[in-house]
């Protein structure tokens, strides 16, 4: 079981830099289990964690895999 601070959780999920994530938290835009959290240093277990940012519900994902089908003749690097 991994425990992370709320700003690190948001940053790891792609919401932006840690300073931007702290700003979201201080503005009251983040809630965990229906409770608005205004302390960016609050620590939560990431197993089965669901939270909402700006009213939209998100589920913590430790890893995300993206598969792309690159068309012939297209270079990606």
PDB file of N, CA and C in Angstrom:
ATOM      1  N   UNK A   1       0.852  -1.174   0.000  1.00  0.00           N
ATOM      2  CA  UNK A   1       0.000   0.000   0.000  1.00  0.00           C
ATOM      3  C   UNK A   1       0.899   1.238   0.000  1.00  0.00           C
ATOM      4  N   UNK A   2       0.680   2.092  -0.970  1.00  0.00           N
ATOM      5  CA  UNK A   2       1.451   3.316  -1.105  1.00  0.00           C
ATOM      6  C   UNK A   2       0.657   4.480  -0.551  1.00  0.00           C
ATOM      7  N   UNK A   3       1.339   5.345   0.191  1.00  0.00           N
ATOM      8  CA  UNK A   3       0.707   6.557   0.706  1.00  0.00           C
ATOM      9  C   UNK A   3       1.456   7.758   0.142  1.00  0.00           C
ATOM     10  N   UNK A   4       0.696   8.721  -0.376  1.00  0.00           N
ATOM     11  CA  UNK A   4       1.272   9.929  -0.957  1.00  0.00           C
ATOM     12  C   UNK A   4       0.517  11.151  -0.475  1.00  0.00           C
ATOM     13  N   UNK A   5       1.199  12.284  -0.507  1.00  0.00           N
ATOM     14  CA  UNK A   5       0.509  13.538  -0.191  1.00  0.00           C
ATOM     15  C   UNK A   5      -0.410  13.899  -1.354  1.00  0.00           C
ATOM     16  N   UNK A   6      -1.435  14.660  -1.072  1.00  0.00           N
ATOM     17  CA  UNK A   6      -2.446  14.968  -2.074  1.00  0.00           C
ATOM     18  C   UNK A   6      -1.869  15.707  -3.273  1.00  0.00           C
ATOM     19  N   UNK A   7      -0.936  16.633  -3.053  1.00  0.00           N
ATOM     20  CA  UNK A   7      -0.345  17.340  -4.198  1.00  0.00           C
ATOM     21  C   UNK A   7       0.446  16.392  -5.090  1.00  0.00           C
ATOM     22  N   UNK A   8       1.122  15.415  -4.501  1.00  0.00           N
ATOM     23  CA  UNK A   8       1.865  14.431  -5.301  1.00  0.00           C
ATOM     24  C   UNK A   8       0.910  13.499  -6.055  1.00  0.00           C
ATOM     25  N   UNK A   9      -0.207  13.170  -5.438  1.00  0.00           N
ATOM     26  CA  UNK A   9      -1.205  12.333  -6.114  1.00  0.00           C
ATOM     27  C   UNK A   9      -1.715  13.034  -7.362  1.00  0.00           C
ATOM     28  N   UNK A  10      -2.109  14.298  -7.222  1.00  0.00           N
ATOM     29  CA  UNK A  10      -2.632  15.044  -8.370  1.00  0.00           C
ATOM     30  C   UNK A  10      -1.574  15.201  -9.452  1.00  0.00           C
ATOM     31  N   UNK A  11      -0.352  15.507  -9.049  1.00  0.00           N
ATOM     32  CA  UNK A  11       0.732  15.685 -10.018  1.00  0.00           C
ATOM     33  C   UNK A  11       0.996  14.381 -10.765  1.00  0.00           C
ATOM     34  N   UNK A  12       0.970  13.254 -10.059  1.00  0.00           N
ATOM     35  CA  UNK A  12       1.240  11.967 -10.704  1.00  0.00           C
ATOM     36  C   UNK A  12       0.135  11.568 -11.678  1.00  0.00           C
ATOM     37  N   UNK A  13      -1.056  12.140 -11.514  1.00  0.00           N
ATOM     38  CA  UNK A  13      -2.180  11.820 -12.384  1.00  0.00           C
ATOM     39  C   UNK A  13      -2.299  12.786 -13.562  1.00  0.00           C
ATOM     40  N   UNK A  14      -1.343  13.724 -13.664  1.00  0.00           N
ATOM     41  CA  UNK A  14      -1.282  14.593 -14.832  1.00  0.00           C
ATOM     42  C   UNK A  14      -2.048  15.894 -14.720  1.00  0.00           C
ATOM     43  N   UNK A  15      -2.345  16.341 -13.521  1.00  0.00           N
ATOM     44  CA  UNK A  15      -3.090  17.599 -13.360  1.00  0.00           C
ATOM     45  C   UNK A  15      -2.203  18.828 -13.483  1.00  0.00           C
ATOM     46  N   UNK A  16      -0.912  18.661 -13.550  1.00  0.00           N
ATOM     47  CA  UNK A  16      -0.008  19.797 -13.696  1.00  0.00           C
ATOM     48  C   UNK A  16       1.141  19.723 -12.713  1.00  0.00           C
ATOM     49  N   UNK A  17       1.843  20.831 -12.577  1.00  0.00           N
ATOM     50  CA  UNK A  17       2.967  20.882 -11.659  1.00  0.00           C
ATOM     51  C   UNK A  17       2.471  20.777 -10.224  1.00  0.00           C
ATOM     52  N   UNK A  18       3.380  20.451  -9.325  1.00  0.00           N
ATOM     53  CA  UNK A  18       2.967  20.350  -7.924  1.00  0.00           C
ATOM     54  C   UNK A  18       2.501  21.687  -7.386  1.00  0.00           C
ATOM     55  N   UNK A  19       3.103  22.782  -7.829  1.00  0.00           N
ATOM     56  CA  UNK A  19       2.656  24.098  -7.351  1.00  0.00           C
ATOM     57  C   UNK A  19       1.247  24.401  -7.851  1.00  0.00           C
ATOM     58  N   UNK A  20       0.925  24.016  -9.085  1.00  0.00           N
ATOM     59  CA  UNK A  20      -0.432  24.213  -9.598  1.00  0.00           C
ATOM     60  C   UNK A  20      -1.422  23.316  -8.837  1.00  0.00           C
ATOM     61  N   UNK A  21      -1.006  22.081  -8.548  1.00  0.00           N
ATOM     62  CA  UNK A  21      -1.871  21.164  -7.794  1.00  0.00           C
ATOM     63  C   UNK A  21      -2.130  21.705  -6.393  1.00  0.00           C
ATOM     64  N   UNK A  22      -1.106  22.283  -5.752  1.00  0.00           N
ATOM     65  CA  UNK A  22      -1.290  22.899  -4.428  1.00  0.00           C
ATOM     66  C   UNK A  22      -2.289  24.039  -4.508  1.00  0.00           C
ATOM     67  N   UNK A  23      -2.217  24.794  -5.587  1.00  0.00           N
ATOM     68  CA  UNK A  23      -3.143  25.918  -5.787  1.00  0.00           C
ATOM     69  C   UNK A  23      -4.583  25.407  -5.892  1.00  0.00           C
ATOM     70  N   UNK A  24      -4.800  24.337  -6.648  1.00  0.00           N
ATOM     71  CA  UNK A  24      -6.135  23.739  -6.763  1.00  0.00           C
ATOM     72  C   UNK A  24      -6.654  23.307  -5.398  1.00  0.00           C
ATOM     73  N   UNK A  25      -5.778  22.706  -4.614  1.00  0.00           N
ATOM     74  CA  UNK A  25      -6.180  22.213  -3.293  1.00  0.00           C
ATOM     75  C   UNK A  25      -6.544  23.381  -2.391  1.00  0.00           C
ATOM     76  N   UNK A  26      -5.717  24.420  -2.357  1.00  0.00           N
ATOM     77  CA  UNK A  26      -5.980  25.584  -1.501  1.00  0.00           C
ATOM     78  C   UNK A  26      -7.264  26.303  -1.887  1.00  0.00           C
ATOM     79  N   UNK A  27      -7.626  26.255  -3.162  1.00  0.00           N
ATOM     80  CA  UNK A  27      -8.847  26.910  -3.640  1.00  0.00           C
ATOM     81  C   UNK A  27     -10.095  26.083  -3.355  1.00  0.00           C
ATOM     82  N   UNK A  28      -9.929  24.889  -2.777  1.00  0.00           N
ATOM     83  CA  UNK A  28     -11.074  24.052  -2.444  1.00  0.00           C
ATOM     84  C   UNK A  28     -11.652  23.295  -3.617  1.00  0.00           C
ATOM     85  N   UNK A  29     -10.859  23.076  -4.651  1.00  0.00           N
ATOM     86  CA  UNK A  29     -11.334  22.389  -5.857  1.00  0.00           C
ATOM     87  C   UNK A  29     -11.175  20.874  -5.788  1.00  0.00           C
ATOM     88  N   UNK A  30     -10.553  20.362  -4.715  1.00  0.00           N
ATOM     89  CA  UNK A  30     -10.260  18.932  -4.624  1.00  0.00           C
ATOM     90  C   UNK A  30     -10.977  18.331  -3.424  1.00  0.00           C
ATOM     91  N   UNK A  31     -11.643  17.216  -3.643  1.00  0.00           N
ATOM     92  CA  UNK A  31     -12.269  16.501  -2.532  1.00  0.00           C
ATOM     93  C   UNK A  31     -11.935  15.025  -2.623  1.00  0.00           C
ATOM     94  N   UNK A  32     -11.838  14.403  -1.455  1.00  0.00           N
ATOM     95  CA  UNK A  32     -11.570  12.970  -1.353  1.00  0.00           C
ATOM     96  C   UNK A  32     -12.714  12.368  -0.551  1.00  0.00           C
ATOM     97  N   UNK A  33     -13.371  11.383  -1.153  1.00  0.00           N
ATOM     98  CA  UNK A  33     -14.532  10.735  -0.535  1.00  0.00           C
ATOM     99  C   UNK A  33     -15.587  11.753  -0.108  1.00  0.00           C
ATOM    100  N   UNK A  34     -15.819  12.760  -0.932  1.00  0.00           N
ATOM    101  CA  UNK A  34     -16.852  13.750  -0.692  1.00  0.00           C
ATOM    102  C   UNK A  34     -16.483  14.858   0.274  1.00  0.00           C
ATOM    103  N   UNK A  35     -15.276  14.836   0.820  1.00  0.00           N
ATOM    104  CA  UNK A  35     -14.837  15.851   1.777  1.00  0.00           C
ATOM    105  C   UNK A  35     -13.808  16.754   1.096  1.00  0.00           C
ATOM    106  N   UNK A  36     -14.071  18.058   1.086  1.00  0.00           N
ATOM    107  CA  UNK A  36     -13.133  19.007   0.488  1.00  0.00           C
ATOM    108  C   UNK A  36     -11.880  19.058   1.351  1.00  0.00           C
ATOM    109  N   UNK A  37     -10.726  18.892   0.708  1.00  0.00           N
ATOM    110  CA  UNK A  37      -9.439  18.898   1.397  1.00  0.00           C
ATOM    111  C   UNK A  37      -8.711  20.179   1.011  1.00  0.00           C
ATOM    112  N   UNK A  38      -8.274  20.949   2.016  1.00  0.00           N
ATOM    113  CA  UNK A  38      -7.543  22.187   1.719  1.00  0.00           C
ATOM    114  C   UNK A  38      -6.102  22.132   2.205  1.00  0.00           C
ATOM    115  N   UNK A  39      -5.647  20.959   2.642  1.00  0.00           N
ATOM    116  CA  UNK A  39      -4.269  20.769   3.093  1.00  0.00           C
ATOM    117  C   UNK A  39      -3.539  19.921   2.062  1.00  0.00           C
ATOM    118  N   UNK A  40      -2.618  20.544   1.327  1.00  0.00           N
ATOM    119  CA  UNK A  40      -1.915  19.804   0.269  1.00  0.00           C
ATOM    120  C   UNK A  40      -0.986  18.732   0.824  1.00  0.00           C
ATOM    121  N   UNK A  41      -0.667  18.786   2.100  1.00  0.00           N
ATOM    122  CA  UNK A  41       0.210  17.785   2.703  1.00  0.00           C
ATOM    123  C   UNK A  41      -0.561  16.606   3.296  1.00  0.00           C
ATOM    124  N   UNK A  42      -1.874  16.611   3.189  1.00  0.00           N
ATOM    125  CA  UNK A  42      -2.675  15.482   3.674  1.00  0.00           C
ATOM    126  C   UNK A  42      -2.249  14.226   2.920  1.00  0.00           C
ATOM    127  N   UNK A  43      -2.088  13.134   3.641  1.00  0.00           N
ATOM    128  CA  UNK A  43      -1.579  11.891   3.061  1.00  0.00           C
ATOM    129  C   UNK A  43      -2.728  10.891   2.930  1.00  0.00           C
ATOM    130  N   UNK A  44      -2.761  10.217   1.769  1.00  0.00           N
ATOM    131  CA  UNK A  44      -3.808   9.235   1.494  1.00  0.00           C
ATOM    132  C   UNK A  44      -3.195   7.973   0.925  1.00  0.00           C
ATOM    133  N   UNK A  45      -3.806   6.836   1.245  1.00  0.00           N
ATOM    134  CA  UNK A  45      -3.424   5.568   0.623  1.00  0.00           C
ATOM    135  C   UNK A  45      -3.966   5.582  -0.800  1.00  0.00           C
ATOM    136  N   UNK A  46      -3.155   5.179  -1.754  1.00  0.00           N
ATOM    137  CA  UNK A  46      -3.556   5.266  -3.159  1.00  0.00           C
ATOM    138  C   UNK A  46      -4.381   4.065  -3.624  1.00  0.00           C
ATOM    139  N   UNK A  47      -4.403   2.986  -2.846  1.00  0.00           N
ATOM    140  CA  UNK A  47      -5.183   1.809  -3.230  1.00  0.00           C
ATOM    141  C   UNK A  47      -6.668   2.148  -3.264  1.00  0.00           C
ATOM    142  N   UNK A  48      -7.288   1.987  -4.423  1.00  0.00           N
ATOM    143  CA  UNK A  48      -8.727   2.220  -4.618  1.00  0.00           C
ATOM    144  C   UNK A  48      -9.138   3.656  -4.275  1.00  0.00           C
ATOM    145  N   UNK A  49      -8.239   4.597  -4.432  1.00  0.00           N
ATOM    146  CA  UNK A  49      -8.535   5.997  -4.109  1.00  0.00           C
ATOM    147  C   UNK A  49      -9.338   6.641  -5.234  1.00  0.00           C
ATOM    148  N   UNK A  50     -10.429   7.274  -4.888  1.00  0.00           N
ATOM    149  CA  UNK A  50     -11.164   8.093  -5.846  1.00  0.00           C
ATOM    150  C   UNK A  50     -11.273   9.488  -5.258  1.00  0.00           C
ATOM    151  N   UNK A  51     -11.154  10.472  -6.114  1.00  0.00           N
ATOM    152  CA  UNK A  51     -11.165  11.866  -5.694  1.00  0.00           C
ATOM    153  C   UNK A  51     -11.821  12.688  -6.783  1.00  0.00           C
ATOM    154  N   UNK A  52     -12.184  13.901  -6.471  1.00  0.00           N
ATOM    155  CA  UNK A  52     -12.761  14.752  -7.510  1.00  0.00           C
ATOM    156  C   UNK A  52     -11.986  16.059  -7.574  1.00  0.00           C
ATOM    157  N   UNK A  53     -11.829  16.535  -8.794  1.00  0.00           N
ATOM    158  CA  UNK A  53     -11.152  17.805  -9.064  1.00  0.00           C
ATOM    159  C   UNK A  53     -12.110  18.640  -9.896  1.00  0.00           C
ATOM    160  N   UNK A  54     -12.456  19.802  -9.380  1.00  0.00           N
ATOM    161  CA  UNK A  54     -13.399  20.712 -10.049  1.00  0.00           C
ATOM    162  C   UNK A  54     -14.718  19.999 -10.352  1.00  0.00           C
ATOM    163  N   UNK A  55     -15.146  19.124  -9.433  1.00  0.00           N
ATOM    164  CA  UNK A  55     -16.425  18.447  -9.570  1.00  0.00           C
ATOM    165  C   UNK A  55     -16.414  17.193 -10.417  1.00  0.00           C
ATOM    166  N   UNK A  56     -15.283  16.838 -11.024  1.00  0.00           N
ATOM    167  CA  UNK A  56     -15.207  15.639 -11.860  1.00  0.00           C
ATOM    168  C   UNK A  56     -14.492  14.527 -11.097  1.00  0.00           C
ATOM    169  N   UNK A  57     -15.082  13.343 -11.065  1.00  0.00           N
ATOM    170  CA  UNK A  57     -14.536  12.221 -10.300  1.00  0.00           C
ATOM    171  C   UNK A  57     -13.414  11.539 -11.077  1.00  0.00           C
ATOM    172  N   UNK A  58     -12.337  11.204 -10.364  1.00  0.00           N
ATOM    173  CA  UNK A  58     -11.176  10.527 -10.925  1.00  0.00           C
ATOM    174  C   UNK A  58     -10.819   9.360 -10.016  1.00  0.00           C
ATOM    175  N   UNK A  59     -10.222   8.333 -10.600  1.00  0.00           N
ATOM    176  CA  UNK A  59      -9.735   7.175  -9.849  1.00  0.00           C
ATOM    177  C   UNK A  59      -8.228   7.117 -10.017  1.00  0.00           C
ATOM    178  N   UNK A  60      -7.509   6.915  -8.915  1.00  0.00           N
ATOM    179  CA  UNK A  60      -6.045   6.859  -8.968  1.00  0.00           C
ATOM    180  C   UNK A  60      -5.600   5.666  -9.789  1.00  0.00           C
ATOM    181  N   UNK A  61      -4.677   5.899 -10.680  1.00  0.00           N
ATOM    182  CA  UNK A  61      -4.089   4.839 -11.497  1.00  0.00           C
ATOM    183  C   UNK A  61      -2.577   4.920 -11.337  1.00  0.00           C
ATOM    184  N   UNK A  62      -1.982   3.816 -10.879  1.00  0.00           N
ATOM    185  CA  UNK A  62      -0.531   3.791 -10.694  1.00  0.00           C
ATOM    186  C   UNK A  62       0.186   3.799 -12.045  1.00  0.00           C
ATOM    187  N   UNK A  63      -0.386   3.101 -13.019  1.00  0.00           N
ATOM    188  CA  UNK A  63       0.226   3.016 -14.343  1.00  0.00           C
ATOM    189  C   UNK A  63      -0.858   3.159 -15.406  1.00  0.00           C
ATOM    190  N   UNK A  64      -0.523   3.821 -16.474  1.00  0.00           N
ATOM    191  CA  UNK A  64      -1.420   3.936 -17.616  1.00  0.00           C
ATOM    192  C   UNK A  64      -0.622   3.560 -18.853  1.00  0.00           C
ATOM    193  N   UNK A  65      -1.149   2.656 -19.626  1.00  0.00           N
ATOM    194  CA  UNK A  65      -0.485   2.212 -20.845  1.00  0.00           C
ATOM    195  C   UNK A  65      -1.271   2.703 -22.045  1.00  0.00           C
ATOM    196  N   UNK A  66      -0.553   3.263 -22.994  1.00  0.00           N
ATOM    197  CA  UNK A  66      -1.176   3.779 -24.202  1.00  0.00           C
ATOM    198  C   UNK A  66      -0.579   3.042 -25.396  1.00  0.00           C
ATOM    199  N   UNK A  67      -1.423   2.470 -26.227  1.00  0.00           N
ATOM    200  CA  UNK A  67      -0.976   1.782 -27.429  1.00  0.00           C
ATOM    201  C   UNK A  67      -1.322   2.640 -28.641  1.00  0.00           C
ATOM    202  N   UNK A  68      -0.352   2.827 -29.503  1.00  0.00           N
ATOM    203  CA  UNK A  68      -0.553   3.632 -30.707  1.00  0.00           C
ATOM    204  C   UNK A  68      -0.316   2.781 -31.941  1.00  0.00           C
ATOM    205  N   UNK A  69      -1.098   3.014 -32.961  1.00  0.00           N
ATOM    206  CA  UNK A  69      -0.915   2.368 -34.248  1.00  0.00           C
ATOM    207  C   UNK A  69      -0.343   3.427 -35.182  1.00  0.00           C
ATOM    208  N   UNK A  70       0.968   3.365 -35.399  1.00  0.00           N
ATOM    209  CA  UNK A  70       1.625   4.366 -36.219  1.00  0.00           C
ATOM    210  C   UNK A  70       1.471   3.993 -37.700  1.00  0.00           C
ATOM    211  N   UNK A  71       0.883   4.878 -38.482  1.00  0.00           N
ATOM    212  CA  UNK A  71       0.752   4.616 -39.923  1.00  0.00           C
ATOM    213  C   UNK A  71       2.117   4.555 -40.605  1.00  0.00           C
ATOM    214  N   UNK A  72       2.217   3.789 -41.666  1.00  0.00           N
ATOM    215  CA  UNK A  72       3.465   3.693 -42.426  1.00  0.00           C
ATOM    216  C   UNK A  72       3.833   5.072 -42.979  1.00  0.00           C
ATOM    217  N   UNK A  73       5.121   5.375 -42.943  1.00  0.00           N
ATOM    218  CA  UNK A  73       5.612   6.642 -43.487  1.00  0.00           C
ATOM    219  C   UNK A  73       5.590   7.799 -42.503  1.00  0.00           C
ATOM    220  N   UNK A  74       5.085   7.596 -41.315  1.00  0.00           N
ATOM    221  CA  UNK A  74       5.030   8.634 -40.295  1.00  0.00           C
ATOM    222  C   UNK A  74       6.156   8.355 -39.297  1.00  0.00           C
ATOM    223  N   UNK A  75       7.000   9.357 -39.074  1.00  0.00           N
ATOM    224  CA  UNK A  75       8.084   9.194 -38.121  1.00  0.00           C
ATOM    225  C   UNK A  75       7.682   9.761 -36.773  1.00  0.00           C
ATOM    226  N   UNK A  76       7.979   9.021 -35.743  1.00  0.00           N
ATOM    227  CA  UNK A  76       7.761   9.536 -34.393  1.00  0.00           C
ATOM    228  C   UNK A  76       9.009   9.239 -33.569  1.00  0.00           C
ATOM    229  N   UNK A  77       9.436  10.228 -32.875  1.00  0.00           N
ATOM    230  CA  UNK A  77      10.646  10.043 -32.053  1.00  0.00           C
ATOM    231  C   UNK A  77      10.537  10.839 -30.777  1.00  0.00           C
TER     232      UNK A  77
END
